[in-house]
C-alpha atoms as a PDB file:
ATOM      1  CA  MET A   1      98.568 104.856  98.641  1.00  0.00           C
ATOM      2  CA  ALA A   2     102.236 103.909  98.328  1.00  0.00           C
ATOM      3  CA  LYS A   3     105.017 106.353  99.196  1.00  0.00           C
ATOM      4  CA  VAL A   4     108.138 106.421  97.048  1.00  0.00           C
ATOM      5  CA  LEU A   5     111.248 106.191  99.249  1.00  0.00           C
ATOM      6  CA  TYR A   6     114.912 106.491  98.280  1.00  0.00           C
ATOM      7  CA  HIS A   7     116.496 104.037 100.742  1.00  0.00           C
ATOM      8  CA  ILE A   8     120.275 103.795 100.752  1.00  0.00           C
ATOM      9  CA  THR A   9     123.405 103.455 102.872  1.00  0.00           C
ATOM     10  CA  MET A  10     126.041 106.130 102.373  1.00  0.00           C
ATOM     11  CA  SER A  11     129.625 106.635 103.503  1.00  0.00           C
ATOM     12  CA  LEU A  12     130.282 109.605 105.768  1.00  0.00           C
ATOM     13  CA  ASP A  13     131.849 111.439 102.798  1.00  0.00           C
ATOM     14  CA  GLY A  14     128.709 111.090 100.674  1.00  0.00           C
ATOM     15  CA  PHE A  15     129.242 108.024  98.473  1.00  0.00           C
ATOM     16  CA  VAL A  16     126.706 105.214  98.006  1.00  0.00           C
ATOM     17  CA  ALA A  17     129.094 103.083  95.943  1.00  0.00           C
ATOM     18  CA  GLY A  18     132.839 103.096  95.554  1.00  0.00           C
ATOM     19  CA  PRO A  19     134.733 103.537  92.286  1.00  0.00           C
ATOM     20  CA  ALA A  20     133.400 101.309  89.470  1.00  0.00           C
ATOM     21  CA  ASP A  21     130.134 100.840  91.442  1.00  0.00           C
ATOM     22  CA  ASP A  22     131.969  98.784  94.086  1.00  0.00           C
ATOM     23  CA  MET A  23     129.663  97.798  96.944  1.00  0.00           C
ATOM     24  CA  THR A  24     132.062  95.570  98.913  1.00  0.00           C
ATOM     25  CA  TRP A  25     132.586  98.367 101.450  1.00  0.00           C
ATOM     26  CA  LEU A  26     129.159  97.553 102.895  1.00  0.00           C
ATOM     27  CA  ALA A  27     130.266  94.123 104.124  1.00  0.00           C
ATOM     28  CA  GLY A  28     130.150  94.023 107.915  1.00  0.00           C
ATOM     29  CA  LEU A  29     128.978  97.633 108.392  1.00  0.00           C
ATOM     30  CA  HIS A  30     125.524  96.671 109.671  1.00  0.00           C
ATOM     31  CA  ALA A  31     126.843  94.387 112.392  1.00  0.00           C
ATOM     32  CA  GLY A  32     124.136  95.200 114.929  1.00  0.00           C
ATOM     33  CA  PRO A  33     120.376  95.519 114.906  1.00  0.00           C
ATOM     34  CA  ASN A  34     118.870  98.656 113.418  1.00  0.00           C
ATOM     35  CA  PRO A  35     115.152  99.066 114.212  1.00  0.00           C
ATOM     36  CA  VAL A  36     114.735 101.641 111.421  1.00  0.00           C
ATOM     37  CA  VAL A  37     116.042  99.198 108.813  1.00  0.00           C
ATOM     38  CA  GLU A  38     113.813  96.406 110.083  1.00  0.00           C
ATOM     39  CA  ARG A  39     110.759  98.671 110.085  1.00  0.00           C
ATOM     40  CA  VAL A  40     111.429  99.911 106.552  1.00  0.00           C
ATOM     41  CA  ILE A  41     112.137  96.479 105.097  1.00  0.00           C
ATOM     42  CA  GLY A  42     108.902  95.239 106.661  1.00  0.00           C
ATOM     43  CA  GLY A  43     106.997  98.113 105.063  1.00  0.00           C
ATOM     44  CA  ILE A  44     108.311  97.800 101.510  1.00  0.00           C
ATOM     45  CA  GLY A  45     105.694  96.634  99.047  1.00  0.00           C
ATOM     46  CA  ALA A  46     107.728  96.917  95.826  1.00  0.00           C
ATOM     47  CA  ILE A  47     111.113  98.031  94.532  1.00  0.00           C
ATOM     48  CA  VAL A  48     112.219 100.115  91.561  1.00  0.00           C
ATOM     49  CA  MET A  49     115.834  99.963  90.485  1.00  0.00           C
ATOM     50  CA  GLY A  50     117.911 100.972  87.511  1.00  0.00           C
ATOM     51  CA  HIS A  51     120.141  98.955  85.220  1.00  0.00           C
ATOM     52  CA  ASN A  52     123.320  99.372  87.325  1.00  0.00           C
ATOM     53  CA  THR A  53     121.603  98.003  90.438  1.00  0.00           C
ATOM     54  CA  TYR A  54     119.844  95.236  88.495  1.00  0.00           C
ATOM     55  CA  ALA A  55     122.977  93.462  87.229  1.00  0.00           C
ATOM     56  CA  PRO A  56     124.381  92.564  90.683  1.00  0.00           C
ATOM     57  CA  ALA A  57     120.881  91.906  92.081  1.00  0.00           C
ATOM     58  CA  THR A  58     120.436  88.994  89.651  1.00  0.00           C
ATOM     59  CA  THR A  59     123.278  87.024  91.254  1.00  0.00           C
ATOM     60  CA  ALA A  60     122.879  84.839  94.343  1.00  0.00           C
ATOM     61  CA  GLU A  61     125.215  87.147  96.313  1.00  0.00           C
ATOM     62  CA  GLY A  62     123.375  90.310  95.294  1.00  0.00           C
ATOM     63  CA  LYS A  63     119.861  89.566  96.497  1.00  0.00           C
ATOM     64  CA  VAL A  64     117.885  92.648  97.427  1.00  0.00           C
ATOM     65  CA  TYR A  65     118.351  93.498 101.104  1.00  0.00           C
ATOM     66  CA  GLY A  66     120.584  90.454 101.457  1.00  0.00           C
ATOM     67  CA  GLY A  67     117.644  88.164 100.771  1.00  0.00           C
ATOM     68  CA  ARG A  68     115.646  89.571 103.724  1.00  0.00           C
ATOM     69  CA  TRP A  69     112.963  90.974 101.411  1.00  0.00           C
ATOM     70  CA  GLU A  70     110.931  89.373  98.658  1.00  0.00           C
ATOM     71  CA  GLY A  71     108.338  90.954  96.422  1.00  0.00           C
ATOM     72  CA  PRO A  72     107.808  92.670  93.085  1.00  0.00           C
ATOM     73  CA  ILE A  73     110.883  94.340  91.605  1.00  0.00           C
ATOM     74  CA  PHE A  74     110.648  96.698  88.641  1.00  0.00           C
ATOM     75  CA  VAL A  75     113.794  97.522  86.664  1.00  0.00           C
ATOM     76  CA  VAL A  76     114.025 100.668  84.546  1.00  0.00           C
ATOM     77  CA  THR A  77     116.046  99.576  81.540  1.00  0.00           C
ATOM     78  CA  ARG A  78     115.954  99.366  77.775  1.00  0.00           C
ATOM     79  CA  ASP A  79     118.637  96.792  77.137  1.00  0.00           C
ATOM     80  CA  ALA A  80     118.980  94.325  80.015  1.00  0.00           C
ATOM     81  CA  PRO A  81     118.333  90.611  79.589  1.00  0.00           C
ATOM     82  CA  PRO A  82     115.282  89.368  81.518  1.00  0.00           C
ATOM     83  CA  SER A  83     115.761  87.481  84.773  1.00  0.00           C
ATOM     84  CA  PRO A  84     113.169  85.596  86.869  1.00  0.00           C
ATOM     85  CA  GLY A  85     111.625  87.711  89.609  1.00  0.00           C
ATOM     86  CA  PHE A  86     112.225  91.047  87.863  1.00  0.00           C
ATOM     87  CA  THR A  87     109.844  93.057  85.668  1.00  0.00           C
ATOM     88  CA  LEU A  88     111.680  95.130  83.061  1.00  0.00           C
ATOM     89  CA  VAL A  89     110.100  98.496  82.198  1.00  0.00           C
ATOM     90  CA  ASP A  90     111.489 100.980  79.675  1.00  0.00           C
ATOM     91  CA  ASP A  91     110.032 104.123  81.299  1.00  0.00           C
ATOM     92  CA  LEU A  92     110.640 105.475  84.808  1.00  0.00           C
ATOM     93  CA  GLY A  93     107.110 106.852  85.268  1.00  0.00           C
ATOM     94  CA  LYS A  94     105.547 103.558  84.207  1.00  0.00           C
ATOM     95  CA  ALA A  95     107.865 101.603  86.518  1.00  0.00           C
ATOM     96  CA  VAL A  96     106.994 103.779  89.531  1.00  0.00           C
ATOM     97  CA  ALA A  97     103.263 103.600  88.713  1.00  0.00           C
ATOM     98  CA  ALA A  98     103.371  99.791  88.424  1.00  0.00           C
ATOM     99  CA  ALA A  99     105.407  99.495  91.637  1.00  0.00           C
ATOM    100  CA  SER A 100     103.022 101.845  93.467  1.00  0.00           C
ATOM    101  CA  SER A 101     100.070  99.724  92.404  1.00  0.00           C
ATOM    102  CA  ALA A 102     101.853  96.556  93.534  1.00  0.00           C
ATOM    103  CA  ALA A 103     102.942  98.121  96.859  1.00  0.00           C
ATOM    104  CA  GLY A 104      99.441  99.103  97.964  1.00  0.00           C
ATOM    105  CA  ASP A 105      99.880 101.084 101.198  1.00  0.00           C
ATOM    106  CA  GLY A 106     103.540 100.057 101.509  1.00  0.00           C
ATOM    107  CA  TYR A 107     106.678 101.774 100.346  1.00  0.00           C
ATOM    108  CA  VAL A 108     108.118 101.712  96.879  1.00  0.00           C
ATOM    109  CA  ALA A 109     111.838 101.568  97.640  1.00  0.00           C
ATOM    110  CA  ILE A 110     114.053 103.213  95.044  1.00  0.00           C
ATOM    111  CA  LEU A 111     117.447 101.560  94.762  1.00  0.00           C
ATOM    112  CA  GLY A 112     120.274 103.241  92.881  1.00  0.00           C
ATOM    113  CA  ALA A 113     121.541 106.824  92.850  1.00  0.00           C
ATOM    114  CA  THR A 114     120.721 107.574  89.211  1.00  0.00           C
ATOM    115  CA  THR A 115     117.204 106.164  89.472  1.00  0.00           C
ATOM    116  CA  ALA A 116     116.600 108.153  92.679  1.00  0.00           C
ATOM    117  CA  ARG A 117     117.869 111.368  91.068  1.00  0.00           C
ATOM    118  CA  ARG A 118     115.599 110.817  88.082  1.00  0.00           C
ATOM    119  CA  CYS A 119     112.617 110.176  90.405  1.00  0.00           C
ATOM    120  CA  LEU A 120     113.396 113.387  92.286  1.00  0.00           C
ATOM    121  CA  GLU A 121     113.663 115.390  89.055  1.00  0.00           C
ATOM    122  CA  ALA A 122     110.344 113.921  87.845  1.00  0.00           C
ATOM    123  CA  GLY A 123     108.570 114.801  91.106  1.00  0.00           C
ATOM    124  CA  LEU A 124     108.016 111.132  91.952  1.00  0.00           C
ATOM    125  CA  LEU A 125     110.051 110.916  95.177  1.00  0.00           C
ATOM    126  CA  ASP A 126     108.252 111.364  98.526  1.00  0.00           C
ATOM    127  CA  GLU A 127     110.914 110.515 101.108  1.00  0.00           C
ATOM    128  CA  VAL A 128     114.631 109.866 101.534  1.00  0.00           C
ATOM    129  CA  LEU A 129     116.103 107.528 104.166  1.00  0.00           C
ATOM    130  CA  VAL A 130     119.887 107.499 104.369  1.00  0.00           C
ATOM    131  CA  HIS A 131     121.881 105.286 106.705  1.00  0.00           C
ATOM    132  CA  VAL A 132     125.274 106.955 107.211  1.00  0.00           C
ATOM    133  CA  ALA A 133     128.103 104.493 107.779  1.00  0.00           C
ATOM    134  CA  PRO A 134     131.355 105.234 109.620  1.00  0.00           C
ATOM    135  CA  ILE A 135     133.637 104.919 106.610  1.00  0.00           C
ATOM    136  CA  LEU A 136     135.309 107.335 104.184  1.00  0.00           C
ATOM    137  CA  LEU A 137     135.524 106.132 100.565  1.00  0.00           C
ATOM    138  CA  GLY A 138     137.086 109.205  98.954  1.00  0.00           C
ATOM    139  CA  ASP A 139     135.569 108.520  95.527  1.00  0.00           C
ATOM    140  CA  GLY A 140     132.689 106.748  93.853  1.00  0.00           C
ATOM    141  CA  VAL A 141     128.994 107.303  93.213  1.00  0.00           C
ATOM    142  CA  ARG A 142     127.521 110.223  95.144  1.00  0.00           C
ATOM    143  CA  LEU A 143     124.209 110.074  97.012  1.00  0.00           C
ATOM    144  CA  PHE A 144     122.850 112.887  94.856  1.00  0.00           C
ATOM    145  CA  ASP A 145     124.821 114.166  91.901  1.00  0.00           C
ATOM    146  CA  HIS A 146     123.411 116.984  89.829  1.00  0.00           C
ATOM    147  CA  PRO A 147     126.040 118.796  87.707  1.00  0.00           C
ATOM    148  CA  GLY A 148     125.525 122.529  88.007  1.00  0.00           C
ATOM    149  CA  GLY A 149     123.794 122.051  91.338  1.00  0.00           C
ATOM    150  CA  ALA A 150     120.203 121.751  92.441  1.00  0.00           C
ATOM    151  CA  ARG A 151     118.665 122.638  95.791  1.00  0.00           C
ATOM    152  CA  VAL A 152     116.172 120.220  97.220  1.00  0.00           C
ATOM    153  CA  ARG A 153     114.547 121.063 100.545  1.00  0.00           C
ATOM    154  CA  LEU A 154     114.042 118.155 102.922  1.00  0.00           C
ATOM    155  CA  GLU A 155     111.901 118.062 106.045  1.00  0.00           C
ATOM    156  CA  PRO A 156     113.194 115.826 108.868  1.00  0.00           C
ATOM    157  CA  LEU A 157     110.882 112.951 109.785  1.00  0.00           C
ATOM    158  CA  GLU A 158     113.158 110.837 111.973  1.00  0.00           C
ATOM    159  CA  LEU A 159     116.782 111.118 113.046  1.00  0.00           C
ATOM    160  CA  SER A 160     118.333 108.322 115.097  1.00  0.00           C
ATOM    161  CA  VAL A 161     121.417 106.201 115.723  1.00  0.00           C
ATOM    162  CA  ALA A 162     121.772 102.413 115.841  1.00  0.00           C
ATOM    163  CA  GLY A 163     125.257 101.387 116.915  1.00  0.00           C
ATOM    164  CA  PRO A 164     127.707 103.100 114.560  1.00  0.00           C
ATOM    165  CA  ILE A 165     125.042 103.896 111.930  1.00  0.00           C
ATOM    166  CA  GLY A 166     123.141 107.201 111.701  1.00  0.00           C
ATOM    167  CA  ASN A 167     119.591 107.060 110.298  1.00  0.00           C
ATOM    168  CA  PHE A 168     118.375 110.206 108.545  1.00  0.00           C
ATOM    169  CA  TRP A 169     114.779 110.099 107.258  1.00  0.00           C
ATOM    170  CA  TYR A 170     113.338 113.084 105.398  1.00  0.00           C
ATOM    171  CA  ARG A 171     110.253 114.111 103.449  1.00  0.00           C
ATOM    172  CA  VAL A 172     110.973 115.751 100.099  1.00  0.00           C
ATOM    173  CA  GLY A 173     109.743 119.353 100.371  1.00  0.00           C
END
């Protein structure tokens, strides 16, 4: 049975994207090998992403995992134009169910902070893997933003370092 994994790189100050969803800060940060990244990418059976992640992923420059992964991608959206290689689904639960079926025993990787938050709130998220990069952005999209606050207990599964990147893998408790 597939596990649903929020897989993301974050700045040291807690942002997964800069202002206006800018992702250019990621360029060059993963300069060396990271065995955790390679293992996860090899274990992903399907991806679920939201509308904000979908738009850049449809361009040649924005391929998922830099083009190192190929497989079924489900996009939770109600108003995006279709694009080859992506299945558009208007309901988060249906998207995760379809991705889980497609992933088999692999991971369903959740891409995008809003989609991950919604999965967590719906009880659909099993694990969180955050790669912490040595950069401070100061503003942007937070890893987990829940106005008014929300406590979510996480159980450590694996904590490691690869070059300048910290890998923090947790089970949602």
